[in-house]
């Protein structure tokens, strides 16, 4: 993991963040993210494992979490109508990094 995050990726208007595949993340990965100034997309069930101060985006807090493929009822095709209705009701749009707390 250390090698993957050794060189920061710099993009205009973006900051580095990470979402673990399958939401499976190690304590060491959390620490590297914190040390490097990254944010993490995570679930509340990991609240007791995440180091204090690590900016965290929780899709469970009102964001939309979906997949490109139809999976778990939240693929783009199978949830398109719900996604459109959600977007219609929005007054503000933010990047995950902006919503991380």
N, C-alpha and C. Protein backbone atom coordinates (compact mmCIF):
# COMPACT_ATOMS: atom_id res chain seq x y z
N UNK A 1 0.83 -1.19 0.00
CA UNK A 1 0.00 0.00 0.00
C UNK A 1 0.87 1.25 0.00
N UNK A 2 1.95 1.22 0.75
CA UNK A 2 2.83 2.38 0.84
C UNK A 2 3.33 2.81 -0.54
N UNK A 3 3.67 1.85 -1.39
CA UNK A 3 4.17 2.19 -2.73
C UNK A 3 3.08 2.84 -3.58
N UNK A 4 1.85 2.38 -3.44
CA UNK A 4 0.76 2.93 -4.23
C UNK A 4 0.52 4.41 -3.93
N UNK A 5 0.76 4.81 -2.69
CA UNK A 5 0.49 6.17 -2.29
C UNK A 5 1.76 7.01 -2.14
N UNK A 6 2.90 6.47 -2.57
CA UNK A 6 4.16 7.16 -2.37
C UNK A 6 4.24 8.47 -3.14
N UNK A 7 3.74 8.51 -4.35
CA UNK A 7 3.78 9.72 -5.17
C UNK A 7 2.37 10.31 -5.23
N UNK A 8 2.20 11.53 -4.74
CA UNK A 8 0.87 12.14 -4.78
C UNK A 8 0.44 12.43 -6.21
N UNK A 9 -0.82 12.21 -6.47
CA UNK A 9 -1.40 12.52 -7.77
C UNK A 9 -1.97 13.93 -7.66
N UNK A 10 -1.54 14.81 -8.53
CA UNK A 10 -1.99 16.19 -8.47
C UNK A 10 -2.87 16.47 -9.68
N UNK A 11 -4.09 16.88 -9.43
CA UNK A 11 -5.02 17.26 -10.48
C UNK A 11 -5.67 18.57 -10.07
N UNK A 12 -5.88 19.43 -11.01
CA UNK A 12 -6.55 20.69 -10.71
C UNK A 12 -7.96 20.40 -10.23
N UNK A 13 -8.34 20.99 -9.12
CA UNK A 13 -9.69 20.90 -8.55
C UNK A 13 -10.00 19.57 -7.86
N UNK A 14 -9.05 18.68 -7.75
CA UNK A 14 -9.31 17.40 -7.11
C UNK A 14 -8.30 17.16 -5.99
N UNK A 15 -8.71 16.41 -4.99
CA UNK A 15 -7.80 15.97 -3.94
C UNK A 15 -7.86 14.45 -3.90
N UNK A 16 -6.83 13.85 -3.35
CA UNK A 16 -6.75 12.39 -3.35
C UNK A 16 -7.67 11.76 -2.32
N UNK A 17 -8.38 10.74 -2.75
CA UNK A 17 -9.25 9.98 -1.89
C UNK A 17 -9.17 8.51 -2.25
N UNK A 18 -9.75 7.66 -1.41
CA UNK A 18 -9.65 6.22 -1.63
C UNK A 18 -10.91 5.53 -1.14
N UNK A 19 -11.38 4.57 -1.93
CA UNK A 19 -12.48 3.68 -1.53
C UNK A 19 -11.96 2.27 -1.71
N UNK A 20 -11.91 1.51 -0.65
CA UNK A 20 -11.37 0.15 -0.71
C UNK A 20 -12.31 -0.78 -1.49
N UNK A 21 -11.75 -1.65 -2.31
CA UNK A 21 -12.59 -2.63 -3.02
C UNK A 21 -13.39 -3.46 -2.03
N UNK A 22 -14.68 -3.55 -2.27
CA UNK A 22 -15.54 -4.34 -1.38
C UNK A 22 -15.62 -3.79 0.02
N UNK A 23 -15.24 -2.55 0.21
CA UNK A 23 -15.24 -1.87 1.52
C UNK A 23 -14.31 -2.56 2.51
N UNK A 24 -13.38 -3.38 2.03
CA UNK A 24 -12.46 -4.11 2.92
C UNK A 24 -11.16 -3.32 3.02
N UNK A 25 -10.89 -2.75 4.17
CA UNK A 25 -9.72 -1.89 4.35
C UNK A 25 -8.99 -2.28 5.63
N UNK A 26 -7.67 -2.18 5.59
CA UNK A 26 -6.86 -2.55 6.76
C UNK A 26 -6.58 -1.32 7.61
N UNK A 27 -6.20 -1.56 8.85
CA UNK A 27 -5.81 -0.48 9.74
C UNK A 27 -4.58 0.26 9.19
N UNK A 28 -3.64 -0.47 8.59
CA UNK A 28 -2.45 0.15 8.01
C UNK A 28 -2.84 1.08 6.86
N UNK A 29 -3.79 0.69 6.06
CA UNK A 29 -4.24 1.53 4.95
C UNK A 29 -4.85 2.82 5.49
N UNK A 30 -5.68 2.72 6.51
CA UNK A 30 -6.24 3.92 7.15
C UNK A 30 -5.12 4.87 7.57
N UNK A 31 -4.08 4.32 8.19
CA UNK A 31 -2.99 5.15 8.71
C UNK A 31 -2.23 5.83 7.58
N UNK A 32 -1.97 5.10 6.49
CA UNK A 32 -1.27 5.70 5.35
C UNK A 32 -2.11 6.83 4.75
N UNK A 33 -3.40 6.63 4.64
CA UNK A 33 -4.28 7.68 4.10
C UNK A 33 -4.22 8.93 4.97
N UNK A 34 -4.29 8.73 6.28
CA UNK A 34 -4.21 9.85 7.22
C UNK A 34 -2.86 10.57 7.09
N UNK A 35 -1.77 9.79 7.07
CA UNK A 35 -0.43 10.36 6.99
C UNK A 35 -0.21 11.15 5.71
N UNK A 36 -0.85 10.74 4.62
CA UNK A 36 -0.66 11.39 3.32
C UNK A 36 -1.66 12.51 3.04
N UNK A 37 -2.62 12.69 3.95
CA UNK A 37 -3.60 13.75 3.76
C UNK A 37 -4.72 13.40 2.80
N UNK A 38 -5.01 12.12 2.62
CA UNK A 38 -6.08 11.68 1.75
C UNK A 38 -7.38 11.61 2.55
N UNK A 39 -8.50 11.50 1.84
CA UNK A 39 -9.79 11.20 2.47
C UNK A 39 -10.15 9.77 2.09
N UNK A 40 -11.09 9.18 2.82
CA UNK A 40 -11.53 7.80 2.56
C UNK A 40 -13.05 7.77 2.44
N UNK A 41 -13.54 6.98 1.50
CA UNK A 41 -14.97 6.67 1.43
C UNK A 41 -15.15 5.41 2.27
N UNK A 42 -16.05 5.47 3.23
CA UNK A 42 -16.15 4.36 4.17
C UNK A 42 -17.58 4.22 4.68
N UNK A 43 -17.79 3.21 5.50
CA UNK A 43 -19.09 2.95 6.08
C UNK A 43 -19.03 3.18 7.59
N UNK A 44 -20.17 3.53 8.16
CA UNK A 44 -20.21 3.80 9.60
C UNK A 44 -19.85 2.58 10.45
N UNK A 45 -19.99 1.39 9.92
CA UNK A 45 -19.65 0.21 10.73
C UNK A 45 -18.17 0.15 11.06
N UNK A 46 -17.37 0.97 10.40
CA UNK A 46 -15.93 1.04 10.68
C UNK A 46 -15.55 2.25 11.54
N UNK A 47 -16.53 2.95 12.09
CA UNK A 47 -16.24 4.16 12.88
C UNK A 47 -15.25 3.92 14.01
N UNK A 48 -15.27 2.74 14.60
CA UNK A 48 -14.37 2.46 15.73
C UNK A 48 -12.96 2.09 15.28
N UNK A 49 -12.74 1.88 13.99
CA UNK A 49 -11.41 1.49 13.48
C UNK A 49 -10.65 2.65 12.83
N UNK A 50 -11.36 3.59 12.29
CA UNK A 50 -10.73 4.70 11.55
C UNK A 50 -9.97 5.61 12.51
N UNK A 51 -8.75 6.03 12.14
CA UNK A 51 -8.02 6.93 13.04
C UNK A 51 -8.69 8.31 13.10
N UNK A 52 -8.69 8.92 14.27
CA UNK A 52 -9.25 10.27 14.39
C UNK A 52 -8.55 11.23 13.44
N UNK A 53 -9.33 12.11 12.83
CA UNK A 53 -8.77 13.10 11.93
C UNK A 53 -8.74 12.71 10.47
N UNK A 54 -9.06 11.46 10.14
CA UNK A 54 -9.08 11.04 8.74
C UNK A 54 -10.39 11.51 8.11
N UNK A 55 -10.33 12.44 7.14
CA UNK A 55 -11.57 12.89 6.50
C UNK A 55 -12.29 11.72 5.84
N UNK A 56 -13.59 11.61 6.08
CA UNK A 56 -14.34 10.45 5.63
C UNK A 56 -15.62 10.86 4.92
N UNK A 57 -15.86 10.24 3.76
CA UNK A 57 -17.11 10.41 3.03
C UNK A 57 -17.97 9.18 3.30
N UNK A 58 -19.20 9.41 3.75
CA UNK A 58 -20.14 8.33 4.02
C UNK A 58 -21.30 8.43 3.03
N UNK A 59 -21.39 7.51 2.08
CA UNK A 59 -22.52 7.55 1.15
C UNK A 59 -23.83 7.32 1.89
N UNK A 60 -23.75 6.66 3.03
CA UNK A 60 -24.96 6.36 3.81
C UNK A 60 -25.64 7.62 4.34
N UNK A 61 -24.91 8.73 4.36
CA UNK A 61 -25.45 9.97 4.92
C UNK A 61 -26.16 10.82 3.88
N UNK A 62 -26.72 10.20 2.86
CA UNK A 62 -27.52 10.93 1.89
C UNK A 62 -26.95 10.97 0.50
N UNK A 63 -25.79 10.43 0.31
CA UNK A 63 -25.22 10.37 -1.04
C UNK A 63 -25.83 9.22 -1.82
N UNK A 64 -25.47 9.12 -3.08
CA UNK A 64 -25.93 7.99 -3.89
C UNK A 64 -24.76 7.08 -4.13
N UNK A 65 -24.94 5.82 -3.86
CA UNK A 65 -23.91 4.81 -4.07
C UNK A 65 -24.43 3.84 -5.10
N UNK A 66 -23.73 3.69 -6.19
CA UNK A 66 -24.19 2.79 -7.23
C UNK A 66 -23.04 2.11 -7.94
N UNK A 67 -23.41 1.22 -8.83
CA UNK A 67 -22.45 0.47 -9.62
C UNK A 67 -22.75 0.67 -11.10
N UNK A 68 -21.74 0.51 -11.92
CA UNK A 68 -21.95 0.57 -13.36
C UNK A 68 -22.81 -0.61 -13.79
N UNK A 69 -22.52 -1.79 -13.28
CA UNK A 69 -23.28 -2.98 -13.60
C UNK A 69 -24.45 -3.14 -12.63
N UNK A 70 -25.48 -3.85 -13.05
CA UNK A 70 -26.60 -4.11 -12.15
C UNK A 70 -26.12 -5.04 -11.04
N UNK A 71 -26.14 -4.53 -9.82
CA UNK A 71 -25.60 -5.27 -8.69
C UNK A 71 -26.29 -4.77 -7.42
N UNK A 72 -26.88 -5.65 -6.67
CA UNK A 72 -27.48 -5.29 -5.38
C UNK A 72 -28.62 -4.28 -5.51
N UNK A 73 -29.23 -4.16 -6.67
CA UNK A 73 -30.32 -3.22 -6.85
C UNK A 73 -29.88 -1.78 -7.05
N UNK A 74 -28.56 -1.54 -7.19
CA UNK A 74 -28.12 -0.16 -7.35
C UNK A 74 -27.23 0.06 -8.58
N UNK A 75 -27.40 -0.78 -9.59
CA UNK A 75 -26.72 -0.54 -10.86
C UNK A 75 -27.36 0.66 -11.54
N UNK A 76 -26.63 1.32 -12.43
CA UNK A 76 -27.15 2.52 -13.09
C UNK A 76 -28.47 2.21 -13.81
N UNK A 77 -28.50 1.12 -14.56
CA UNK A 77 -29.72 0.79 -15.30
C UNK A 77 -30.90 0.52 -14.37
N UNK A 78 -30.68 -0.28 -13.34
CA UNK A 78 -31.80 -0.67 -12.47
C UNK A 78 -32.20 0.41 -11.47
N UNK A 79 -31.38 1.43 -11.27
CA UNK A 79 -31.76 2.49 -10.33
C UNK A 79 -31.82 3.86 -10.98
N UNK A 80 -31.85 3.90 -12.31
CA UNK A 80 -31.83 5.17 -13.03
C UNK A 80 -32.95 6.11 -12.59
N UNK A 81 -34.17 5.61 -12.52
CA UNK A 81 -35.30 6.46 -12.13
C UNK A 81 -35.11 7.08 -10.75
N UNK A 82 -34.65 6.29 -9.81
CA UNK A 82 -34.40 6.79 -8.45
C UNK A 82 -33.29 7.84 -8.45
N UNK A 83 -32.26 7.60 -9.24
CA UNK A 83 -31.15 8.55 -9.33
C UNK A 83 -31.62 9.88 -9.92
N UNK A 84 -32.40 9.82 -10.98
CA UNK A 84 -32.91 11.04 -11.62
C UNK A 84 -33.77 11.83 -10.63
N UNK A 85 -34.64 11.16 -9.90
CA UNK A 85 -35.49 11.85 -8.93
C UNK A 85 -34.65 12.47 -7.80
N UNK A 86 -33.61 11.79 -7.38
CA UNK A 86 -32.73 12.32 -6.35
C UNK A 86 -32.05 13.59 -6.84
N UNK A 87 -31.54 13.56 -8.05
CA UNK A 87 -30.83 14.71 -8.61
C UNK A 87 -31.78 15.89 -8.80
N UNK A 88 -33.01 15.62 -9.24
CA UNK A 88 -33.98 16.71 -9.43
C UNK A 88 -34.23 17.47 -8.13
N UNK A 89 -34.20 16.78 -7.01
CA UNK A 89 -34.48 17.41 -5.73
C UNK A 89 -33.28 18.08 -5.08
N UNK A 90 -32.11 17.97 -5.69
CA UNK A 90 -30.90 18.53 -5.09
C UNK A 90 -30.80 20.03 -5.31
N UNK A 91 -30.30 20.69 -4.31
CA UNK A 91 -30.03 22.12 -4.40
C UNK A 91 -28.53 22.40 -4.49
N UNK A 92 -27.75 21.40 -4.15
CA UNK A 92 -26.31 21.57 -4.08
C UNK A 92 -25.62 20.28 -4.53
N UNK A 93 -24.53 20.41 -5.26
CA UNK A 93 -23.73 19.26 -5.66
C UNK A 93 -22.33 19.46 -5.15
N UNK A 94 -21.75 18.40 -4.59
CA UNK A 94 -20.38 18.46 -4.08
C UNK A 94 -19.64 17.20 -4.50
N UNK A 95 -18.33 17.34 -4.64
CA UNK A 95 -17.49 16.17 -4.83
C UNK A 95 -17.42 15.42 -3.50
N UNK A 96 -17.11 14.12 -3.56
CA UNK A 96 -16.96 13.33 -2.33
C UNK A 96 -15.95 13.99 -1.40
N UNK A 97 -14.86 14.51 -1.97
CA UNK A 97 -13.84 15.14 -1.13
C UNK A 97 -14.40 16.35 -0.39
N UNK A 98 -15.36 17.05 -0.98
CA UNK A 98 -15.96 18.21 -0.34
C UNK A 98 -16.94 17.78 0.74
N UNK A 99 -17.52 16.60 0.60
CA UNK A 99 -18.48 16.11 1.58
C UNK A 99 -17.81 15.34 2.71
N UNK A 100 -16.54 14.99 2.53
CA UNK A 100 -15.81 14.25 3.57
C UNK A 100 -15.70 15.10 4.83
N UNK A 101 -15.88 14.45 5.95
CA UNK A 101 -15.78 15.16 7.23
C UNK A 101 -14.96 14.37 8.21
